[in-house]
Amino acid sequence: FGAALTPVQCIHYALTRPGVASILAGYDTPEHVKAAVAYET
């Protein structure tokens, strides 16, 4: 797109598709986990 998205924006895109229950993200560190679950708040 020539534009950057954040993990939270990518997660929101996936979770707004019909039929989607969960997005299984990859994590190297606990900090990566926290960046993803930041979506919840």
ModelCIF file with pLDDT and N, C-alpha, C, O atoms, coordinates in Angstrom:
data_MODEL
#
_entry.id   MODEL 
#
_entity.id                         1 
_entity.type                       polymer 
_entity.pdbx_number_of_molecules   1 
#
_entity_poly.entity_id                      1 
_entity_poly.type                           'polypeptide(L)' 
_entity_poly.nstd_linkage                   no 
_entity_poly.nstd_monomer                   no 
_entity_poly.pdbx_seq_one_letter_code       FGAALTPVQCIHYALTRPGVASILAGYDTPEHVKAAVAYET 
_entity_poly.pdbx_seq_one_letter_code_can   FGAALTPVQCIHYALTRPGVASILAGYDTPEHVKAAVAYET 
_entity_poly.pdbx_strand_id                 A 
#
loop_
_entity_poly_seq.entity_id 
_entity_poly_seq.num 
_entity_poly_seq.mon_id 
_entity_poly_seq.hetero 
1 1  PHE n 
1 2  GLY n 
1 3  ALA n 
1 4  ALA n 
1 5  LEU n 
1 6  THR n 
1 7  PRO n 
1 8  VAL n 
1 9  GLN n 
1 10 CYS n 
1 11 ILE n 
1 12 HIS n 
1 13 TYR n 
1 14 ALA n 
1 15 LEU n 
1 16 THR n 
1 17 ARG n 
1 18 PRO n 
1 19 GLY n 
1 20 VAL n 
1 21 ALA n 
1 22 SER n 
1 23 ILE n 
1 24 LEU n 
1 25 ALA n 
1 26 GLY n 
1 27 TYR n 
1 28 ASP n 
1 29 THR n 
1 30 PRO n 
1 31 GLU n 
1 32 HIS n 
1 33 VAL n 
1 34 LYS n 
1 35 ALA n 
1 36 ALA n 
1 37 VAL n 
1 38 ALA n 
1 39 TYR n 
1 40 GLU n 
1 41 THR n 
#
_struct_asym.id          A 
_struct_asym.entity_id   1 
#
loop_
_ma_qa_metric.id 
_ma_qa_metric.mode 
_ma_qa_metric.name 
_ma_qa_metric.software_group_id 
_ma_qa_metric.type 
1 global pLDDT . pLDDT 
2 local  pLDDT . pLDDT 
#
_ma_qa_metric_global.metric_id      1 
_ma_qa_metric_global.metric_value   95.59 
_ma_qa_metric_global.model_id       1 
_ma_qa_metric_global.ordinal_id     1 
#
loop_
_ma_qa_metric_local.label_asym_id 
_ma_qa_metric_local.label_comp_id 
_ma_qa_metric_local.label_seq_id 
_ma_qa_metric_local.metric_id 
_ma_qa_metric_local.metric_value 
_ma_qa_metric_local.model_id 
_ma_qa_metric_local.ordinal_id 
A PHE 1  2 86.00 1 1  
A GLY 2  2 86.00 1 2  
A ALA 3  2 90.00 1 3  
A ALA 4  2 94.00 1 4  
A LEU 5  2 95.00 1 5  
A THR 6  2 96.00 1 6  
A PRO 7  2 96.00 1 7  
A VAL 8  2 97.00 1 8  
A GLN 9  2 97.00 1 9  
A CYS 10 2 97.00 1 10 
A ILE 11 2 98.00 1 11 
A HIS 12 2 97.00 1 12 
A TYR 13 2 96.00 1 13 
A ALA 14 2 97.00 1 14 
A LEU 15 2 97.00 1 15 
A THR 16 2 94.00 1 16 
A ARG 17 2 94.00 1 17 
A PRO 18 2 93.00 1 18 
A GLY 19 2 96.00 1 19 
A VAL 20 2 98.00 1 20 
A ALA 21 2 98.00 1 21 
A SER 22 2 98.00 1 22 
A ILE 23 2 98.00 1 23 
A LEU 24 2 98.00 1 24 
A ALA 25 2 95.00 1 25 
A GLY 26 2 92.00 1 26 
A TYR 27 2 94.00 1 27 
A ASP 28 2 91.00 1 28 
A THR 29 2 95.00 1 29 
A PRO 30 2 97.00 1 30 
A GLU 31 2 97.00 1 31 
A HIS 32 2 95.00 1 32 
A VAL 33 2 97.00 1 33 
A LYS 34 2 97.00 1 34 
A ALA 35 2 96.00 1 35 
A ALA 36 2 97.00 1 36 
A VAL 37 2 98.00 1 37 
A ALA 38 2 98.00 1 38 
A TYR 39 2 98.00 1 39 
A GLU 40 2 98.00 1 40 
A THR 41 2 98.00 1 41 
#
loop_
_atom_site.group_PDB 
_atom_site.id 
_atom_site.type_symbol 
_atom_site.label_atom_id 
_atom_site.label_alt_id 
_atom_site.label_comp_id 
_atom_site.label_asym_id 
_atom_site.label_entity_id 
_atom_site.label_seq_id 
_atom_site.pdbx_PDB_ins_code 
_atom_site.Cartn_x 
_atom_site.Cartn_y 
_atom_site.Cartn_z 
_atom_site.occupancy 
_atom_site.B_iso_or_equiv 
_atom_site.pdbx_formal_charge 
_atom_site.auth_seq_id 
_atom_site.auth_comp_id 
_atom_site.auth_asym_id 
_atom_site.auth_atom_id 
_atom_site.pdbx_PDB_model_num 
ATOM 1   N N  . PHE A 1 1  ? 0.811   -1.211  0.000  1.00 86.00 ? 1  PHE A N  1 
ATOM 2   C CA . PHE A 1 1  ? 0.000   0.000   0.000  1.00 86.00 ? 1  PHE A CA 1 
ATOM 3   C C  . PHE A 1 1  ? 0.847   1.265   0.000  1.00 86.00 ? 1  PHE A C  1 
ATOM 4   O O  . PHE A 1 1  ? 0.335   2.354   -0.259 1.00 86.00 ? 1  PHE A O  1 
ATOM 5   N N  . GLY A 1 2  ? 2.146   1.128   0.290  1.00 86.00 ? 2  GLY A N  1 
ATOM 6   C CA . GLY A 1 2  ? 2.986   2.308   0.442  1.00 86.00 ? 2  GLY A CA 1 
ATOM 7   C C  . GLY A 1 2  ? 2.700   3.042   1.731  1.00 86.00 ? 2  GLY A C  1 
ATOM 8   O O  . GLY A 1 2  ? 3.050   4.214   1.871  1.00 86.00 ? 2  GLY A O  1 
ATOM 9   N N  . ALA A 1 3  ? 2.070   2.369   2.673  1.00 90.00 ? 3  ALA A N  1 
ATOM 10  C CA . ALA A 1 3  ? 1.739   2.950   3.974  1.00 90.00 ? 3  ALA A CA 1 
ATOM 11  C C  . ALA A 1 3  ? 1.826   1.847   5.021  1.00 90.00 ? 3  ALA A C  1 
ATOM 12  O O  . ALA A 1 3  ? 1.513   0.690   4.740  1.00 90.00 ? 3  ALA A O  1 
ATOM 13  N N  . ALA A 1 4  ? 2.250   2.205   6.220  1.00 94.00 ? 4  ALA A N  1 
ATOM 14  C CA . ALA A 1 4  ? 2.458   1.228   7.283  1.00 94.00 ? 4  ALA A CA 1 
ATOM 15  C C  . ALA A 1 4  ? 1.211   1.073   8.141  1.00 94.00 ? 4  ALA A C  1 
ATOM 16  O O  . ALA A 1 4  ? 0.498   2.041   8.404  1.00 94.00 ? 4  ALA A O  1 
ATOM 17  N N  . LEU A 1 5  ? 0.956   -0.167  8.578  1.00 95.00 ? 5  LEU A N  1 
ATOM 18  C CA . LEU A 1 5  ? -0.073  -0.471  9.553  1.00 95.00 ? 5  LEU A CA 1 
ATOM 19  C C  . LEU A 1 5  ? 0.587   -0.942  10.849 1.00 95.00 ? 5  LEU A C  1 
ATOM 20  O O  . LEU A 1 5  ? 1.735   -1.384  10.839 1.00 95.00 ? 5  LEU A O  1 
ATOM 21  N N  . THR A 1 6  ? -0.128  -0.848  11.943 1.00 96.00 ? 6  THR A N  1 
ATOM 22  C CA . THR A 1 6  ? 0.359   -1.337  13.229 1.00 96.00 ? 6  THR A CA 1 
ATOM 23  C C  . THR A 1 6  ? -0.170  -2.757  13.466 1.00 96.00 ? 6  THR A C  1 
ATOM 24  O O  . THR A 1 6  ? -1.095  -3.191  12.779 1.00 96.00 ? 6  THR A O  1 
ATOM 25  N N  . PRO A 1 7  ? 0.407   -3.484  14.431 1.00 96.00 ? 7  PRO A N  1 
ATOM 26  C CA . PRO A 1 7  ? -0.174  -4.788  14.782 1.00 96.00 ? 7  PRO A CA 1 
ATOM 27  C C  . PRO A 1 7  ? -1.652  -4.689  15.153 1.00 96.00 ? 7  PRO A C  1 
ATOM 28  O O  . PRO A 1 7  ? -2.447  -5.537  14.748 1.00 96.00 ? 7  PRO A O  1 
ATOM 29  N N  . VAL A 1 8  ? -2.022  -3.672  15.910 1.00 97.00 ? 8  VAL A N  1 
ATOM 30  C CA . VAL A 1 8  ? -3.418  -3.520  16.316 1.00 97.00 ? 8  VAL A CA 1 
ATOM 31  C C  . VAL A 1 8  ? -4.321  -3.331  15.099 1.00 97.00 ? 8  VAL A C  1 
ATOM 32  O O  . VAL A 1 8  ? -5.415  -3.894  15.053 1.00 97.00 ? 8  VAL A O  1 
ATOM 33  N N  . GLN A 1 9  ? -3.882  -2.551  14.120 1.00 97.00 ? 9  GLN A N  1 
ATOM 34  C CA . GLN A 1 9  ? -4.692  -2.337  12.917 1.00 97.00 ? 9  GLN A CA 1 
ATOM 35  C C  . GLN A 1 9  ? -4.812  -3.625  12.089 1.00 97.00 ? 9  GLN A C  1 
ATOM 36  O O  . GLN A 1 9  ? -5.884  -3.924  11.563 1.00 97.00 ? 9  GLN A O  1 
ATOM 37  N N  . CYS A 1 10 ? -3.741  -4.371  11.976 1.00 97.00 ? 10 CYS A N  1 
ATOM 38  C CA . CYS A 1 10 ? -3.787  -5.648  11.251 1.00 97.00 ? 10 CYS A CA 1 
ATOM 39  C C  . CYS A 1 10 ? -4.739  -6.623  11.942 1.00 97.00 ? 10 CYS A C  1 
ATOM 40  O O  . CYS A 1 10 ? -5.521  -7.313  11.288 1.00 97.00 ? 10 CYS A O  1 
ATOM 41  N N  . ILE A 1 11 ? -4.661  -6.669  13.259 1.00 98.00 ? 11 ILE A N  1 
ATOM 42  C CA . ILE A 1 11 ? -5.534  -7.547  14.034 1.00 98.00 ? 11 ILE A CA 1 
ATOM 43  C C  . ILE A 1 11 ? -6.991  -7.157  13.832 1.00 98.00 ? 11 ILE A C  1 
ATOM 44  O O  . ILE A 1 11 ? -7.851  -8.015  13.635 1.00 98.00 ? 11 ILE A O  1 
ATOM 45  N N  . HIS A 1 12 ? -7.261  -5.856  13.883 1.00 97.00 ? 12 HIS A N  1 
ATOM 46  C CA . HIS A 1 12 ? -8.644  -5.400  13.719 1.00 97.00 ? 12 HIS A CA 1 
ATOM 47  C C  . HIS A 1 12 ? -9.170  -5.744  12.330 1.00 97.00 ? 12 HIS A C  1 
ATOM 48  O O  . HIS A 1 12 ? -10.331 -6.124  12.180 1.00 97.00 ? 12 HIS A O  1 
ATOM 49  N N  . TYR A 1 13 ? -8.327  -5.613  11.327 1.00 96.00 ? 13 TYR A N  1 
ATOM 50  C CA . TYR A 1 13 ? -8.755  -5.979  9.975  1.00 96.00 ? 13 TYR A CA 1 
ATOM 51  C C  . TYR A 1 13 ? -9.173  -7.448  9.937  1.00 96.00 ? 13 TYR A C  1 
ATOM 52  O O  . TYR A 1 13 ? -10.251 -7.775  9.441  1.00 96.00 ? 13 TYR A O  1 
ATOM 53  N N  . ALA A 1 14 ? -8.323  -8.334  10.461 1.00 97.00 ? 14 ALA A N  1 
ATOM 54  C CA . ALA A 1 14 ? -8.620  -9.766  10.427 1.00 97.00 ? 14 ALA A CA 1 
ATOM 55  C C  . ALA A 1 14 ? -9.893  -10.080 11.204 1.00 97.00 ? 14 ALA A C  1 
ATOM 56  O O  . ALA A 1 14 ? -10.725 -10.863 10.745 1.00 97.00 ? 14 ALA A O  1 
ATOM 57  N N  . LEU A 1 15 ? -10.048 -9.475  12.375 1.00 97.00 ? 15 LEU A N  1 
ATOM 58  C CA . LEU A 1 15 ? -11.182 -9.804  13.231 1.00 97.00 ? 15 LEU A CA 1 
ATOM 59  C C  . LEU A 1 15 ? -12.497 -9.211  12.737 1.00 97.00 ? 15 LEU A C  1 
ATOM 60  O O  . LEU A 1 15 ? -13.558 -9.565  13.250 1.00 97.00 ? 15 LEU A O  1 
ATOM 61  N N  . THR A 1 16 ? -12.448 -8.329  11.765 1.00 94.00 ? 16 THR A N  1 
ATOM 62  C CA . THR A 1 16 ? -13.682 -7.802  11.192 1.00 94.00 ? 16 THR A CA 1 
ATOM 63  C C  . THR A 1 16 ? -14.093 -8.541  9.927  1.00 94.00 ? 16 THR A C  1 
ATOM 64  O O  . THR A 1 16 ? -15.086 -8.171  9.300  1.00 94.00 ? 16 THR A O  1 
ATOM 65  N N  . ARG A 1 17 ? -13.350 -9.585  9.532  1.00 94.00 ? 17 ARG A N  1 
ATOM 66  C CA . ARG A 1 17 ? -13.795 -10.421 8.417  1.00 94.00 ? 17 ARG A CA 1 
ATOM 67  C C  . ARG A 1 17 ? -14.880 -11.382 8.921  1.00 94.00 ? 17 ARG A C  1 
ATOM 68  O O  . ARG A 1 17 ? -14.744 -11.942 10.008 1.00 94.00 ? 17 ARG A O  1 
ATOM 69  N N  . PRO A 1 18 ? -15.949 -11.578 8.146  1.00 93.00 ? 18 PRO A N  1 
ATOM 70  C CA . PRO A 1 18 ? -16.969 -12.551 8.550  1.00 93.00 ? 18 PRO A CA 1 
ATOM 71  C C  . PRO A 1 18 ? -16.348 -13.940 8.754  1.00 93.00 ? 18 PRO A C  1 
ATOM 72  O O  . PRO A 1 18 ? -15.485 -14.366 7.987  1.00 93.00 ? 18 PRO A O  1 
ATOM 73  N N  . GLY A 1 19 ? -16.797 -14.620 9.784  1.00 96.00 ? 19 GLY A N  1 
ATOM 74  C CA . GLY A 1 19 ? -16.350 -15.988 10.031 1.00 96.00 ? 19 GLY A CA 1 
ATOM 75  C C  . GLY A 1 19 ? -15.105 -16.116 10.877 1.00 96.00 ? 19 GLY A C  1 
ATOM 76  O O  . GLY A 1 19 ? -14.821 -17.197 11.394 1.00 96.00 ? 19 GLY A O  1 
ATOM 77  N N  . VAL A 1 20 ? -14.350 -15.035 11.032 1.00 98.00 ? 20 VAL A N  1 
ATOM 78  C CA . VAL A 1 20 ? -13.074 -15.121 11.753 1.00 98.00 ? 20 VAL A CA 1 
ATOM 79  C C  . VAL A 1 20 ? -13.318 -15.170 13.258 1.00 98.00 ? 20 VAL A C  1 
ATOM 80  O O  . VAL A 1 20 ? -14.069 -14.365 13.809 1.00 98.00 ? 20 VAL A O  1 
ATOM 81  N N  . ALA A 1 21 ? -12.664 -16.137 13.914 1.00 98.00 ? 21 ALA A N  1 
ATOM 82  C CA . ALA A 1 21 ? -12.783 -16.289 15.363 1.00 98.00 ? 21 ALA A CA 1 
ATOM 83  C C  . ALA A 1 21 ? -11.538 -15.805 16.092 1.00 98.00 ? 21 ALA A C  1 
ATOM 84  O O  . ALA A 1 21 ? -11.644 -15.223 17.171 1.00 98.00 ? 21 ALA A O  1 
ATOM 85  N N  . SER A 1 22 ? -10.351 -16.038 15.514 1.00 98.00 ? 22 SER A N  1 
ATOM 86  C CA . SER A 1 22 ? -9.109  -15.711 16.226 1.00 98.00 ? 22 SER A CA 1 
ATOM 87  C C  . SER A 1 22 ? -7.993  -15.463 15.228 1.00 98.00 ? 22 SER A C  1 
ATOM 88  O O  . SER A 1 22 ? -7.918  -16.118 14.188 1.00 98.00 ? 22 SER A O  1 
ATOM 89  N N  . ILE A 1 23 ? -7.133  -14.517 15.551 1.00 98.00 ? 23 ILE A N  1 
ATOM 90  C CA . ILE A 1 23 ? -5.926  -14.307 14.765 1.00 98.00 ? 23 ILE A CA 1 
ATOM 91  C C  . ILE A 1 23 ? -4.746  -14.847 15.555 1.00 98.00 ? 23 ILE A C  1 
ATOM 92  O O  . ILE A 1 23 ? -4.514  -14.437 16.693 1.00 98.00 ? 23 ILE A O  1 
ATOM 93  N N  . LEU A 1 24 ? -4.003  -15.764 14.954 1.00 98.00 ? 24 LEU A N  1 
ATOM 94  C CA . LEU A 1 24 ? -2.891  -16.431 15.616 1.00 98.00 ? 24 LEU A CA 1 
ATOM 95  C C  . LEU A 1 24 ? -1.603  -15.733 15.207 1.00 98.00 ? 24 LEU A C  1 
ATOM 96  O O  . LEU A 1 24 ? -1.012  -16.043 14.172 1.00 98.00 ? 24 LEU A O  1 
ATOM 97  N N  . ALA A 1 25 ? -1.184  -14.798 16.025 1.00 95.00 ? 25 ALA A N  1 
ATOM 98  C CA . ALA A 1 25 ? 0.003   -14.007 15.708 1.00 95.00 ? 25 ALA A CA 1 
ATOM 99  C C  . ALA A 1 25 ? 1.255   -14.727 16.189 1.00 95.00 ? 25 ALA A C  1 
ATOM 100 O O  . ALA A 1 25 ? 1.204   -15.566 17.089 1.00 95.00 ? 25 ALA A O  1 
ATOM 101 N N  . GLY A 1 26 ? 2.380   -14.381 15.568 1.00 92.00 ? 26 GLY A N  1 
ATOM 102 C CA . GLY A 1 26 ? 3.662   -14.949 15.975 1.00 92.00 ? 26 GLY A CA 1 
ATOM 103 C C  . GLY A 1 26 ? 4.367   -14.037 16.961 1.00 92.00 ? 26 GLY A C  1 
ATOM 104 O O  . GLY A 1 26 ? 4.340   -12.816 16.812 1.00 92.00 ? 26 GLY A O  1 
ATOM 105 N N  . TYR A 1 27 ? 5.004   -14.632 17.979 1.00 94.00 ? 27 TYR A N  1 
ATOM 106 C CA . TYR A 1 27 ? 5.669   -13.851 19.014 1.00 94.00 ? 27 TYR A CA 1 
ATOM 107 C C  . TYR A 1 27 ? 7.071   -14.400 19.265 1.00 94.00 ? 27 TYR A C  1 
ATOM 108 O O  . TYR A 1 27 ? 7.247   -15.599 19.480 1.00 94.00 ? 27 TYR A O  1 
ATOM 109 N N  . ASP A 1 28 ? 8.053   -13.524 19.235 1.00 91.00 ? 28 ASP A N  1 
ATOM 110 C CA . ASP A 1 28 ? 9.409   -13.887 19.634 1.00 91.00 ? 28 ASP A CA 1 
ATOM 111 C C  . ASP A 1 28 ? 9.630   -13.673 21.125 1.00 91.00 ? 28 ASP A C  1 
ATOM 112 O O  . ASP A 1 28 ? 10.419  -14.376 21.755 1.00 91.00 ? 28 ASP A O  1 
ATOM 113 N N  . THR A 1 29 ? 8.927   -12.695 21.678 1.00 95.00 ? 29 THR A N  1 
ATOM 114 C CA . THR A 1 29 ? 9.160   -12.278 23.056 1.00 95.00 ? 29 THR A CA 1 
ATOM 115 C C  . THR A 1 29 ? 7.833   -11.922 23.724 1.00 95.00 ? 29 THR A C  1 
ATOM 116 O O  . THR A 1 29 ? 6.832   -11.715 23.038 1.00 95.00 ? 29 THR A O  1 
ATOM 117 N N  . PRO A 1 30 ? 7.816   -11.850 25.059 1.00 97.00 ? 30 PRO A N  1 
ATOM 118 C CA . PRO A 1 30 ? 6.608   -11.370 25.731 1.00 97.00 ? 30 PRO A CA 1 
ATOM 119 C C  . PRO A 1 30 ? 6.190   -9.970  25.276 1.00 97.00 ? 30 PRO A C  1 
ATOM 120 O O  . PRO A 1 30 ? 5.006   -9.636  25.299 1.00 97.00 ? 30 PRO A O  1 
ATOM 121 N N  . GLU A 1 31 ? 7.155   -9.158  24.866 1.00 97.00 ? 31 GLU A N  1 
ATOM 122 C CA . GLU A 1 31 ? 6.815   -7.814  24.385 1.00 97.00 ? 31 GLU A CA 1 
ATOM 123 C C  . GLU A 1 31 ? 5.959   -7.889  23.119 1.00 97.00 ? 31 GLU A C  1 
ATOM 124 O O  . GLU A 1 31 ? 5.064   -7.067  22.923 1.00 97.00 ? 31 GLU A O  1 
ATOM 125 N N  . HIS A 1 32 ? 6.237   -8.877  22.261 1.00 95.00 ? 32 HIS A N  1 
ATOM 126 C CA . HIS A 1 32 ? 5.408   -9.064  21.065 1.00 95.00 ? 32 HIS A CA 1 
ATOM 127 C C  . HIS A 1 32 ? 3.989   -9.462  21.454 1.00 95.00 ? 32 HIS A C  1 
ATOM 128 O O  . HIS A 1 32 ? 3.023   -9.019  20.832 1.00 95.00 ? 32 HIS A O  1 
ATOM 129 N N  . VAL A 1 33 ? 3.864   -10.295 22.479 1.00 97.00 ? 33 VAL A N  1 
ATOM 130 C CA . VAL A 1 33 ? 2.539   -10.676 22.970 1.00 97.00 ? 33 VAL A CA 1 
ATOM 131 C C  . VAL A 1 33 ? 1.788   -9.431  23.429 1.00 97.00 ? 33 VAL A C  1 
ATOM 132 O O  . VAL A 1 33 ? 0.620   -9.242  23.090 1.00 97.00 ? 33 VAL A O  1 
ATOM 133 N N  . LYS A 1 34 ? 2.460   -8.592  24.193 1.00 97.00 ? 34 LYS A N  1 
ATOM 134 C CA . LYS A 1 34 ? 1.820   -7.387  24.723 1.00 97.00 ? 34 LYS A CA 1 
ATOM 135 C C  . LYS A 1 34 ? 1.400   -6.436  23.601 1.00 97.00 ? 34 LYS A C  1 
ATOM 136 O O  . LYS A 1 34 ? 0.379   -5.758  23.712 1.00 97.00 ? 34 LYS A O  1 
ATOM 137 N N  . ALA A 1 35 ? 2.189   -6.385  22.519 1.00 96.00 ? 35 ALA A N  1 
ATOM 138 C CA . ALA A 1 35 ? 1.833   -5.522  21.391 1.00 96.00 ? 35 ALA A CA 1 
ATOM 139 C C  . ALA A 1 35 ? 0.555   -6.004  20.720 1.00 96.00 ? 35 ALA A C  1 
ATOM 140 O O  . ALA A 1 35 ? -0.226  -5.201  20.211 1.00 96.00 ? 35 ALA A O  1 
ATOM 141 N N  . ALA A 1 36 ? 0.345   -7.316  20.720 1.00 97.00 ? 36 ALA A N  1 
ATOM 142 C CA . ALA A 1 36 ? -0.877  -7.868  20.121 1.00 97.00 ? 36 ALA A CA 1 
ATOM 143 C C  . ALA A 1 36 ? -2.077  -7.706  21.040 1.00 97.00 ? 36 ALA A C  1 
ATOM 144 O O  . ALA A 1 36 ? -3.139  -7.268  20.599 1.00 97.00 ? 36 ALA A O  1 
ATOM 145 N N  . VAL A 1 37 ? -1.921  -8.054  22.314 1.00 98.00 ? 37 VAL A N  1 
ATOM 146 C CA . VAL A 1 37 ? -3.076  -7.976  23.222 1.00 98.00 ? 37 VAL A CA 1 
ATOM 147 C C  . VAL A 1 37 ? -3.429  -6.531  23.557 1.00 98.00 ? 37 VAL A C  1 
ATOM 148 O O  . VAL A 1 37 ? -4.470  -6.272  24.161 1.00 98.00 ? 37 VAL A O  1 
ATOM 149 N N  . ALA A 1 38 ? -2.582  -5.599  23.175 1.00 98.00 ? 38 ALA A N  1 
ATOM 150 C CA . ALA A 1 38 ? -2.953  -4.187  23.304 1.00 98.00 ? 38 ALA A CA 1 
ATOM 151 C C  . ALA A 1 38 ? -4.226  -3.895  22.528 1.00 98.00 ? 38 ALA A C  1 
ATOM 152 O O  . ALA A 1 38 ? -4.916  -2.910  22.793 1.00 98.00 ? 38 ALA A O  1 
ATOM 153 N N  . TYR A 1 39 ? -4.531  -4.760  21.567 1.00 98.00 ? 39 TYR A N  1 
ATOM 154 C CA . TYR A 1 39 ? -5.775  -4.614  20.803 1.00 98.00 ? 39 TYR A CA 1 
ATOM 155 C C  . TYR A 1 39 ? -6.994  -4.597  21.720 1.00 98.00 ? 39 TYR A C  1 
ATOM 156 O O  . TYR A 1 39 ? -7.965  -3.888  21.455 1.00 98.00 ? 39 TYR A O  1 
ATOM 157 N N  . GLU A 1 40 ? -6.941  -5.370  22.789 1.00 98.00 ? 40 GLU A N  1 
ATOM 158 C CA . GLU A 1 40 ? -8.100  -5.529  23.655 1.00 98.00 ? 40 GLU A CA 1 
ATOM 159 C C  . GLU A 1 40 ? -8.483  -4.237  24.362 1.00 98.00 ? 40 GLU A C  1 
ATOM 160 O O  . GLU A 1 40 ? -9.636  -4.072  24.761 1.00 98.00 ? 40 GLU A O  1 
ATOM 161 N N  . THR A 1 41 ? -7.555  -3.338  24.520 1.00 98.00 ? 41 THR A N  1 
ATOM 162 C CA . THR A 1 41 ? -7.838  -2.058  25.180 1.00 98.00 ? 41 THR A CA 1 
ATOM 163 C C  . THR A 1 41 ? -7.619  -0.870  24.248 1.00 98.00 ? 41 THR A C  1 
ATOM 164 O O  . THR A 1 41 ? -7.814  0.276   24.653 1.00 98.00 ? 41 THR A O  1 
#
